[in-house]
Amino acid sequence: AEAVGWPWLASNPMFATNELRVENRSELVKHLTERFQEEPTDYWVEKSKHYSFAVSPVNDIKEALEHPQATFSNITKQVHNTNDNVDVSFCRPPCKILTVRILVSTDLLHSWESIQ
């Protein structure tokens, strides 16, 4: 209650114990959702640093694909559709199989141990 700036929440008898919070969960979620929508995500992430609970933003699809990690890992690929003359974005599978080729010349052979 203190963390979200609503002290009345802590004193509300509907939420006094964990058992009551579970019993009145839909009402509690309604209040918290209302409160969380009043401030941007960055506000809540920063505010959580002063309390003993973890917070992390949940991105929508657009935000996830524009995240620096998604950009770095080339998770999307843009292809030009010549039939419709439009660019189309595709998302590659989350796991990428790496193919490694080891070229062995006749005058220089490496054992498995030396490659590791």
C-alpha atoms as a PDB file:
ATOM      1  CA  ALA A   1       0.000   0.000   0.000  1.00  0.00           C
ATOM      2  CA  GLU A   2       2.828   2.377   0.867  1.00  0.00           C
ATOM      3  CA  ALA A   3       4.692   1.469  -2.323  1.00  0.00           C
ATOM      4  CA  VAL A   4       1.748   2.411  -4.530  1.00  0.00           C
ATOM      5  CA  GLY A   5       0.962   5.529  -2.509  1.00  0.00           C
ATOM      6  CA  TRP A   6      -2.407   4.326  -1.251  1.00  0.00           C
ATOM      7  CA  PRO A   7      -2.181   3.929   2.550  1.00  0.00           C
ATOM      8  CA  TRP A   8      -5.934   3.252   2.736  1.00  0.00           C
ATOM      9  CA  LEU A   9      -5.290  -0.055   0.965  1.00  0.00           C
ATOM     10  CA  ALA A  10      -3.346  -1.419   3.943  1.00  0.00           C
ATOM     11  CA  SER A  11      -6.043  -0.443   6.399  1.00  0.00           C
ATOM     12  CA  ASN A  12      -8.884  -1.861   4.299  1.00  0.00           C
ATOM     13  CA  PRO A  13     -10.280  -4.892   6.196  1.00  0.00           C
ATOM     14  CA  MET A  14     -10.870  -6.712   2.873  1.00  0.00           C
ATOM     15  CA  PHE A  15      -7.087  -6.948   2.407  1.00  0.00           C
ATOM     16  CA  ALA A  16      -5.852  -7.250   6.021  1.00  0.00           C
ATOM     17  CA  THR A  17      -4.454 -10.793   5.672  1.00  0.00           C
ATOM     18  CA  ASN A  18      -3.143 -12.899   2.830  1.00  0.00           C
ATOM     19  CA  GLU A  19      -6.194 -15.142   3.126  1.00  0.00           C
ATOM     20  CA  LEU A  20      -8.486 -12.121   2.732  1.00  0.00           C
ATOM     21  CA  ARG A  21      -6.415 -10.777  -0.166  1.00  0.00           C
ATOM     22  CA  VAL A  22      -6.800 -14.135  -1.912  1.00  0.00           C
ATOM     23  CA  GLU A  23     -10.516 -14.196  -1.151  1.00  0.00           C
ATOM     24  CA  ASN A  24     -10.946 -10.622  -2.444  1.00  0.00           C
ATOM     25  CA  ARG A  25      -8.403 -10.927  -5.219  1.00  0.00           C
ATOM     26  CA  SER A  26     -10.585  -9.566  -8.029  1.00  0.00           C
ATOM     27  CA  GLU A  27     -11.291  -6.397  -6.023  1.00  0.00           C
ATOM     28  CA  LEU A  28      -7.611  -5.981  -5.112  1.00  0.00           C
ATOM     29  CA  VAL A  29      -6.502  -6.489  -8.720  1.00  0.00           C
ATOM     30  CA  LYS A  30      -9.076  -3.909  -9.843  1.00  0.00           C
ATOM     31  CA  HIS A  31      -7.666  -1.309  -7.411  1.00  0.00           C
ATOM     32  CA  LEU A  32      -4.030  -2.051  -8.247  1.00  0.00           C
ATOM     33  CA  THR A  33      -4.660  -2.023 -11.999  1.00  0.00           C
ATOM     34  CA  GLU A  34      -6.324   1.360 -11.660  1.00  0.00           C
ATOM     35  CA  ARG A  35      -3.346   2.693  -9.684  1.00  0.00           C
ATOM     36  CA  PHE A  36      -0.679   1.240 -11.990  1.00  0.00           C
ATOM     37  CA  GLN A  37      -2.325   2.818 -15.018  1.00  0.00           C
ATOM     38  CA  GLU A  38      -1.962   6.268 -13.477  1.00  0.00           C
ATOM     39  CA  GLU A  39       1.826   6.297 -13.965  1.00  0.00           C
ATOM     40  CA  PRO A  40       4.136   5.119 -16.779  1.00  0.00           C
ATOM     41  CA  THR A  41       6.015   1.830 -16.476  1.00  0.00           C
ATOM     42  CA  ASP A  42       9.367   3.558 -15.876  1.00  0.00           C
ATOM     43  CA  TYR A  43       7.893   5.262 -12.806  1.00  0.00           C
ATOM     44  CA  TRP A  44       6.944   1.911 -11.223  1.00  0.00           C
ATOM     45  CA  VAL A  45      10.251   0.267 -12.120  1.00  0.00           C
ATOM     46  CA  GLU A  46      12.161   3.132 -10.472  1.00  0.00           C
ATOM     47  CA  LYS A  47       9.841   3.217  -7.436  1.00  0.00           C
ATOM     48  CA  SER A  48      10.266  -0.531  -6.866  1.00  0.00           C
ATOM     49  CA  LYS A  49      13.987  -0.015  -6.207  1.00  0.00           C
ATOM     50  CA  HIS A  50      13.064   1.463  -2.811  1.00  0.00           C
ATOM     51  CA  TYR A  51      11.073  -1.591  -1.709  1.00  0.00           C
ATOM     52  CA  SER A  52      11.756  -5.291  -1.323  1.00  0.00           C
ATOM     53  CA  PHE A  53       9.932  -6.542  -4.389  1.00  0.00           C
ATOM     54  CA  ALA A  54      10.997  -7.068  -7.957  1.00  0.00           C
ATOM     55  CA  VAL A  55       9.399  -5.341 -10.910  1.00  0.00           C
ATOM     56  CA  SER A  56      10.062  -5.716 -14.587  1.00  0.00           C
ATOM     57  CA  PRO A  57       8.191  -4.217 -17.515  1.00  0.00           C
ATOM     58  CA  VAL A  58       6.138  -6.487 -19.751  1.00  0.00           C
ATOM     59  CA  ASN A  59       6.537  -5.411 -23.352  1.00  0.00           C
ATOM     60  CA  ASP A  60       3.898  -5.669 -26.019  1.00  0.00           C
ATOM     61  CA  ILE A  61       4.984  -7.231 -29.318  1.00  0.00           C
ATOM     62  CA  LYS A  62       6.035  -3.925 -30.875  1.00  0.00           C
ATOM     63  CA  GLU A  63       8.104  -2.957 -27.814  1.00  0.00           C
ATOM     64  CA  ALA A  64       9.690  -6.408 -27.651  1.00  0.00           C
ATOM     65  CA  LEU A  65      10.747  -6.316 -31.303  1.00  0.00           C
ATOM     66  CA  GLU A  66      12.154  -2.790 -30.914  1.00  0.00           C
ATOM     67  CA  HIS A  67      14.085  -3.645 -27.740  1.00  0.00           C
ATOM     68  CA  PRO A  68      17.876  -3.234 -28.111  1.00  0.00           C
ATOM     69  CA  GLN A  69      18.431  -6.948 -27.425  1.00  0.00           C
ATOM     70  CA  ALA A  70      16.055  -7.918 -30.240  1.00  0.00           C
ATOM     71  CA  THR A  71      17.848  -5.518 -32.565  1.00  0.00           C
ATOM     72  CA  PHE A  72      21.259  -6.843 -31.520  1.00  0.00           C
ATOM     73  CA  SER A  73      20.264 -10.477 -32.069  1.00  0.00           C
ATOM     74  CA  ASN A  74      18.661  -9.749 -35.462  1.00  0.00           C
ATOM     75  CA  ILE A  75      15.417 -11.390 -34.397  1.00  0.00           C
ATOM     76  CA  THR A  76      13.523  -9.725 -37.244  1.00  0.00           C
ATOM     77  CA  LYS A  77      14.260  -9.798 -40.929  1.00  0.00           C
ATOM     78  CA  GLN A  78      12.760  -7.440 -43.469  1.00  0.00           C
ATOM     79  CA  VAL A  79      12.067  -8.861 -46.919  1.00  0.00           C
ATOM     80  CA  HIS A  80      10.801  -7.008 -49.937  1.00  0.00           C
ATOM     81  CA  ASN A  81       7.698  -8.567 -51.499  1.00  0.00           C
ATOM     82  CA  THR A  82       8.092  -7.776 -55.196  1.00  0.00           C
ATOM     83  CA  ASN A  83       4.563  -8.926 -56.070  1.00  0.00           C
ATOM     84  CA  ASP A  84       2.923  -6.312 -53.834  1.00  0.00           C
ATOM     85  CA  ASN A  85       5.897  -3.929 -53.732  1.00  0.00           C
ATOM     86  CA  VAL A  86       5.913  -3.798 -49.924  1.00  0.00           C
ATOM     87  CA  ASP A  87       8.425  -4.613 -47.227  1.00  0.00           C
ATOM     88  CA  VAL A  88       7.361  -7.391 -44.892  1.00  0.00           C
ATOM     89  CA  SER A  89       8.946  -8.094 -41.505  1.00  0.00           C
ATOM     90  CA  PHE A  90       9.414 -11.647 -40.294  1.00  0.00           C
ATOM     91  CA  CYS A  91      10.428 -12.854 -36.872  1.00  0.00           C
ATOM     92  CA  ARG A  92      12.916 -15.690 -36.816  1.00  0.00           C
ATOM     93  CA  PRO A  93      12.550 -18.565 -34.360  1.00  0.00           C
ATOM     94  CA  PRO A  94      13.912 -17.777 -30.882  1.00  0.00           C
ATOM     95  CA  CYS A  95      16.520 -20.537 -31.177  1.00  0.00           C
ATOM     96  CA  LYS A  96      19.051 -20.191 -33.921  1.00  0.00           C
ATOM     97  CA  ILE A  97      20.986 -23.258 -34.974  1.00  0.00           C
ATOM     98  CA  LEU A  98      24.567 -22.422 -35.720  1.00  0.00           C
ATOM     99  CA  THR A  99      26.326 -24.255 -38.471  1.00  0.00           C
ATOM    100  CA  VAL A 100      30.074 -24.442 -38.114  1.00  0.00           C
ATOM    101  CA  ARG A 101      32.331 -25.705 -40.832  1.00  0.00           C
ATOM    102  CA  ILE A 102      35.815 -26.847 -40.033  1.00  0.00           C
ATOM    103  CA  LEU A 103      38.107 -26.967 -42.993  1.00  0.00           C
ATOM    104  CA  VAL A 104      40.907 -29.444 -42.731  1.00  0.00           C
ATOM    105  CA  SER A 105      43.866 -29.186 -45.026  1.00  0.00           C
ATOM    106  CA  THR A 106      46.092 -32.146 -45.751  1.00  0.00           C
ATOM    107  CA  ASP A 107      49.194 -30.442 -44.353  1.00  0.00           C
ATOM    108  CA  LEU A 108      47.591 -29.203 -41.126  1.00  0.00           C
ATOM    109  CA  LEU A 109      45.298 -31.438 -39.098  1.00  0.00           C
ATOM    110  CA  HIS A 110      43.867 -30.452 -35.739  1.00  0.00           C
ATOM    111  CA  SER A 111      42.743 -32.900 -33.158  1.00  0.00           C
ATOM    112  CA  TRP A 112      39.424 -32.379 -31.378  1.00  0.00           C
ATOM    113  CA  GLU A 113      41.282 -31.354 -28.213  1.00  0.00           C
ATOM    114  CA  SER A 114      43.154 -28.549 -29.931  1.00  0.00           C
ATOM    115  CA  ILE A 115      39.962 -27.150 -31.455  1.00  0.00           C
ATOM    116  CA  GLN A 116      38.315 -26.856 -28.068  1.00  0.00           C
END
